Amino acid sequence: MVRAIRGATTVENNDREEIIEATKEMLETIISENNIKTEDMVSVIFTITPDLDKVFPAVAARKMGIVDVPLLDMSEPEIDGSLKKCIRILMHINSDKQNKDMVHAYLRGATVLRPDLVK
């Protein structure tokens, strides 16, 4: 069955390496917590807030060796009061687990988005 896993993280600065490192951390957390193999991945969608424009988050996935999975980067709309310098992820995987068993990853400043899912 196809399942979806969500996550988000933030960075302090609009910096290429900082965005890549934060995205890697988020991906590594999702992969580790859910015991995901690359061949289980169906697709990954990343969004970034408009204040981040130095690199696509998918670059981090490619640097991690995730090369045979469709990846998509999109910019979020500018919304008053929304979290700034935020990178979000929606990963689709093939899994026999139930939706309730998926472990989502809200890291750094993004813990405010889903405090109910933060460990």
C-alpha atoms as a PDB file:
ATOM      1  CA  MET A   1       0.000   0.000   0.000  1.00  0.00           C
ATOM      2  CA  VAL A   2       1.130   3.552  -0.623  1.00  0.00           C
ATOM      3  CA  ARG A   3       1.549   5.587   2.563  1.00  0.00           C
ATOM      4  CA  ALA A   4       2.528   9.217   3.089  1.00  0.00           C
ATOM      5  CA  ILE A   5       4.936  10.670   5.609  1.00  0.00           C
ATOM      6  CA  ARG A   6       5.128  14.370   6.433  1.00  0.00           C
ATOM      7  CA  GLY A   7       7.849  16.461   7.908  1.00  0.00           C
ATOM      8  CA  ALA A   8       9.264  19.950   8.152  1.00  0.00           C
ATOM      9  CA  THR A   9      12.333  21.743   9.368  1.00  0.00           C
ATOM     10  CA  THR A  10      13.722  25.241   9.436  1.00  0.00           C
ATOM     11  CA  VAL A  11      17.028  26.976   8.841  1.00  0.00           C
ATOM     12  CA  GLU A  12      18.453  30.128  10.383  1.00  0.00           C
ATOM     13  CA  ASN A  13      19.791  31.566   7.128  1.00  0.00           C
ATOM     14  CA  ASN A  14      19.061  31.477   3.416  1.00  0.00           C
ATOM     15  CA  ASP A  15      22.285  29.555   2.820  1.00  0.00           C
ATOM     16  CA  ARG A  16      22.841  26.713   0.347  1.00  0.00           C
ATOM     17  CA  GLU A  17      24.754  24.426   2.724  1.00  0.00           C
ATOM     18  CA  GLU A  18      22.431  25.108   5.643  1.00  0.00           C
ATOM     19  CA  ILE A  19      19.385  24.216   3.525  1.00  0.00           C
ATOM     20  CA  ILE A  20      21.057  21.020   2.291  1.00  0.00           C
ATOM     21  CA  GLU A  21      22.098  19.968   5.813  1.00  0.00           C
ATOM     22  CA  ALA A  22      18.657  20.634   7.318  1.00  0.00           C
ATOM     23  CA  THR A  23      16.980  18.727   4.491  1.00  0.00           C
ATOM     24  CA  LYS A  24      19.381  15.795   4.922  1.00  0.00           C
ATOM     25  CA  GLU A  25      18.655  15.724   8.657  1.00  0.00           C
ATOM     26  CA  MET A  26      14.912  15.621   7.971  1.00  0.00           C
ATOM     27  CA  LEU A  27      15.276  12.884   5.342  1.00  0.00           C
ATOM     28  CA  GLU A  28      17.596  10.809   7.544  1.00  0.00           C
ATOM     29  CA  THR A  29      15.144  11.074  10.439  1.00  0.00           C
ATOM     30  CA  ILE A  30      12.186   9.957   8.317  1.00  0.00           C
ATOM     31  CA  ILE A  31      14.159   7.122   6.717  1.00  0.00           C
ATOM     32  CA  SER A  32      15.560   5.890  10.042  1.00  0.00           C
ATOM     33  CA  GLU A  33      12.366   6.195  12.104  1.00  0.00           C
ATOM     34  CA  ASN A  34      10.304   4.376   9.458  1.00  0.00           C
ATOM     35  CA  ASN A  35      12.941   1.821   8.360  1.00  0.00           C
ATOM     36  CA  ILE A  36      12.624   2.940   4.738  1.00  0.00           C
ATOM     37  CA  LYS A  37      14.759   1.606   1.917  1.00  0.00           C
ATOM     38  CA  THR A  38      15.177   3.660  -1.240  1.00  0.00           C
ATOM     39  CA  GLU A  39      13.321   1.010  -3.233  1.00  0.00           C
ATOM     40  CA  ASP A  40      10.280   1.576  -0.951  1.00  0.00           C
ATOM     41  CA  MET A  41      10.090   5.246  -1.966  1.00  0.00           C
ATOM     42  CA  VAL A  42       7.454   6.159  -4.554  1.00  0.00           C
ATOM     43  CA  SER A  43       8.015   9.937  -4.713  1.00  0.00           C
ATOM     44  CA  VAL A  44       9.087  12.883  -2.598  1.00  0.00           C
ATOM     45  CA  ILE A  45       7.678  16.403  -2.734  1.00  0.00           C
ATOM     46  CA  PHE A  46       9.522  19.271  -1.068  1.00  0.00           C
ATOM     47  CA  THR A  47       8.219  22.773  -0.495  1.00  0.00           C
ATOM     48  CA  ILE A  48      10.178  25.804   0.623  1.00  0.00           C
ATOM     49  CA  THR A  49       9.064  29.188   1.822  1.00  0.00           C
ATOM     50  CA  PRO A  50       9.706  32.121  -0.539  1.00  0.00           C
ATOM     51  CA  ASP A  51      12.532  33.411   1.681  1.00  0.00           C
ATOM     52  CA  LEU A  52      14.667  30.367   0.754  1.00  0.00           C
ATOM     53  CA  ASP A  53      16.059  30.610  -2.760  1.00  0.00           C
ATOM     54  CA  LYS A  54      19.667  29.377  -2.685  1.00  0.00           C
ATOM     55  CA  VAL A  55      19.125  25.682  -3.516  1.00  0.00           C
ATOM     56  CA  PHE A  56      16.396  23.139  -4.204  1.00  0.00           C
ATOM     57  CA  PRO A  57      15.882  20.758  -1.242  1.00  0.00           C
ATOM     58  CA  ALA A  58      15.930  17.802  -3.664  1.00  0.00           C
ATOM     59  CA  VAL A  59      19.669  18.416  -4.068  1.00  0.00           C
ATOM     60  CA  ALA A  60      20.090  17.027  -0.541  1.00  0.00           C
ATOM     61  CA  ALA A  61      18.248  13.828  -1.476  1.00  0.00           C
ATOM     62  CA  ARG A  62      20.391  13.359  -4.567  1.00  0.00           C
ATOM     63  CA  LYS A  63      23.548  13.914  -2.485  1.00  0.00           C
ATOM     64  CA  MET A  64      22.300  11.127  -0.187  1.00  0.00           C
ATOM     65  CA  GLY A  65      22.088   8.735  -3.144  1.00  0.00           C
ATOM     66  CA  ILE A  66      18.331   8.939  -3.674  1.00  0.00           C
ATOM     67  CA  VAL A  67      18.633   8.989  -7.452  1.00  0.00           C
ATOM     68  CA  ASP A  68      15.943   6.607  -8.742  1.00  0.00           C
ATOM     69  CA  VAL A  69      13.019   8.275  -6.961  1.00  0.00           C
ATOM     70  CA  PRO A  70      10.957  11.086  -8.534  1.00  0.00           C
ATOM     71  CA  LEU A  71      11.551  14.309  -6.591  1.00  0.00           C
ATOM     72  CA  LEU A  72       9.709  17.618  -6.902  1.00  0.00           C
ATOM     73  CA  ASP A  73      10.478  21.025  -5.403  1.00  0.00           C
ATOM     74  CA  MET A  74       7.846  23.747  -5.074  1.00  0.00           C
ATOM     75  CA  SER A  75       7.665  27.184  -3.521  1.00  0.00           C
ATOM     76  CA  GLU A  76       4.967  27.827  -0.939  1.00  0.00           C
ATOM     77  CA  PRO A  77       2.795  30.925  -1.195  1.00  0.00           C
ATOM     78  CA  GLU A  78       3.591  33.876   1.049  1.00  0.00           C
ATOM     79  CA  ILE A  79       1.042  33.668   3.883  1.00  0.00           C
ATOM     80  CA  ASP A  80       0.833  36.223   6.708  1.00  0.00           C
ATOM     81  CA  GLY A  81       1.980  34.692   9.966  1.00  0.00           C
ATOM     82  CA  SER A  82       3.345  31.503   8.423  1.00  0.00           C
ATOM     83  CA  LEU A  83       6.600  29.932   9.572  1.00  0.00           C
ATOM     84  CA  LYS A  84       9.608  31.478   7.839  1.00  0.00           C
ATOM     85  CA  LYS A  85      12.652  29.711   6.377  1.00  0.00           C
ATOM     86  CA  CYS A  86      10.783  26.414   6.381  1.00  0.00           C
ATOM     87  CA  ILE A  87      11.351  23.279   4.306  1.00  0.00           C
ATOM     88  CA  ARG A  88       8.501  20.769   4.179  1.00  0.00           C
ATOM     89  CA  ILE A  89       8.371  17.233   2.840  1.00  0.00           C
ATOM     90  CA  LEU A  90       5.694  14.793   1.703  1.00  0.00           C
ATOM     91  CA  MET A  91       7.192  11.356   1.061  1.00  0.00           C
ATOM     92  CA  HIS A  92       5.142   8.559  -0.506  1.00  0.00           C
ATOM     93  CA  ILE A  93       6.306   5.026   0.238  1.00  0.00           C
ATOM     94  CA  ASN A  94       5.191   1.464  -0.321  1.00  0.00           C
ATOM     95  CA  SER A  95       4.565  -0.073   3.096  1.00  0.00           C
ATOM     96  CA  ASP A  96       2.490  -2.713   4.832  1.00  0.00           C
ATOM     97  CA  LYS A  97       2.262  -0.468   7.902  1.00  0.00           C
ATOM     98  CA  GLN A  98      -0.902   1.385   8.833  1.00  0.00           C
ATOM     99  CA  ASN A  99      -1.125   5.187   8.566  1.00  0.00           C
ATOM    100  CA  LYS A 100      -1.076   5.444  12.364  1.00  0.00           C
ATOM    101  CA  ASP A 101       2.306   3.688  12.405  1.00  0.00           C
ATOM    102  CA  MET A 102       4.059   6.243  10.192  1.00  0.00           C
ATOM    103  CA  VAL A 103       6.558   8.412  12.059  1.00  0.00           C
ATOM    104  CA  HIS A 104       6.530  12.019  10.875  1.00  0.00           C
ATOM    105  CA  ALA A 105       9.498  14.359  11.412  1.00  0.00           C
ATOM    106  CA  TYR A 106       8.986  17.939  12.554  1.00  0.00           C
ATOM    107  CA  LEU A 107      12.390  19.305  13.487  1.00  0.00           C
ATOM    108  CA  ARG A 108      14.018  22.512  14.698  1.00  0.00           C
ATOM    109  CA  GLY A 109      11.652  25.498  14.510  1.00  0.00           C
ATOM    110  CA  ALA A 110       9.052  23.432  12.648  1.00  0.00           C
ATOM    111  CA  THR A 111       8.022  21.620  15.829  1.00  0.00           C
ATOM    112  CA  VAL A 112       5.400  24.364  16.260  1.00  0.00           C
ATOM    113  CA  LEU A 113       3.579  23.139  13.139  1.00  0.00           C
ATOM    114  CA  ARG A 114       2.589  19.759  14.581  1.00  0.00           C
ATOM    115  CA  PRO A 115       3.401  19.569  18.299  1.00  0.00           C
ATOM    116  CA  ASP A 116       1.156  16.505  18.488  1.00  0.00           C
ATOM    117  CA  LEU A 117       3.642  14.600  16.293  1.00  0.00           C
ATOM    118  CA  VAL A 118       6.882  15.705  17.957  1.00  0.00           C
ATOM    119  CA  LYS A 119       8.678  13.099  20.058  1.00  0.00           C
END
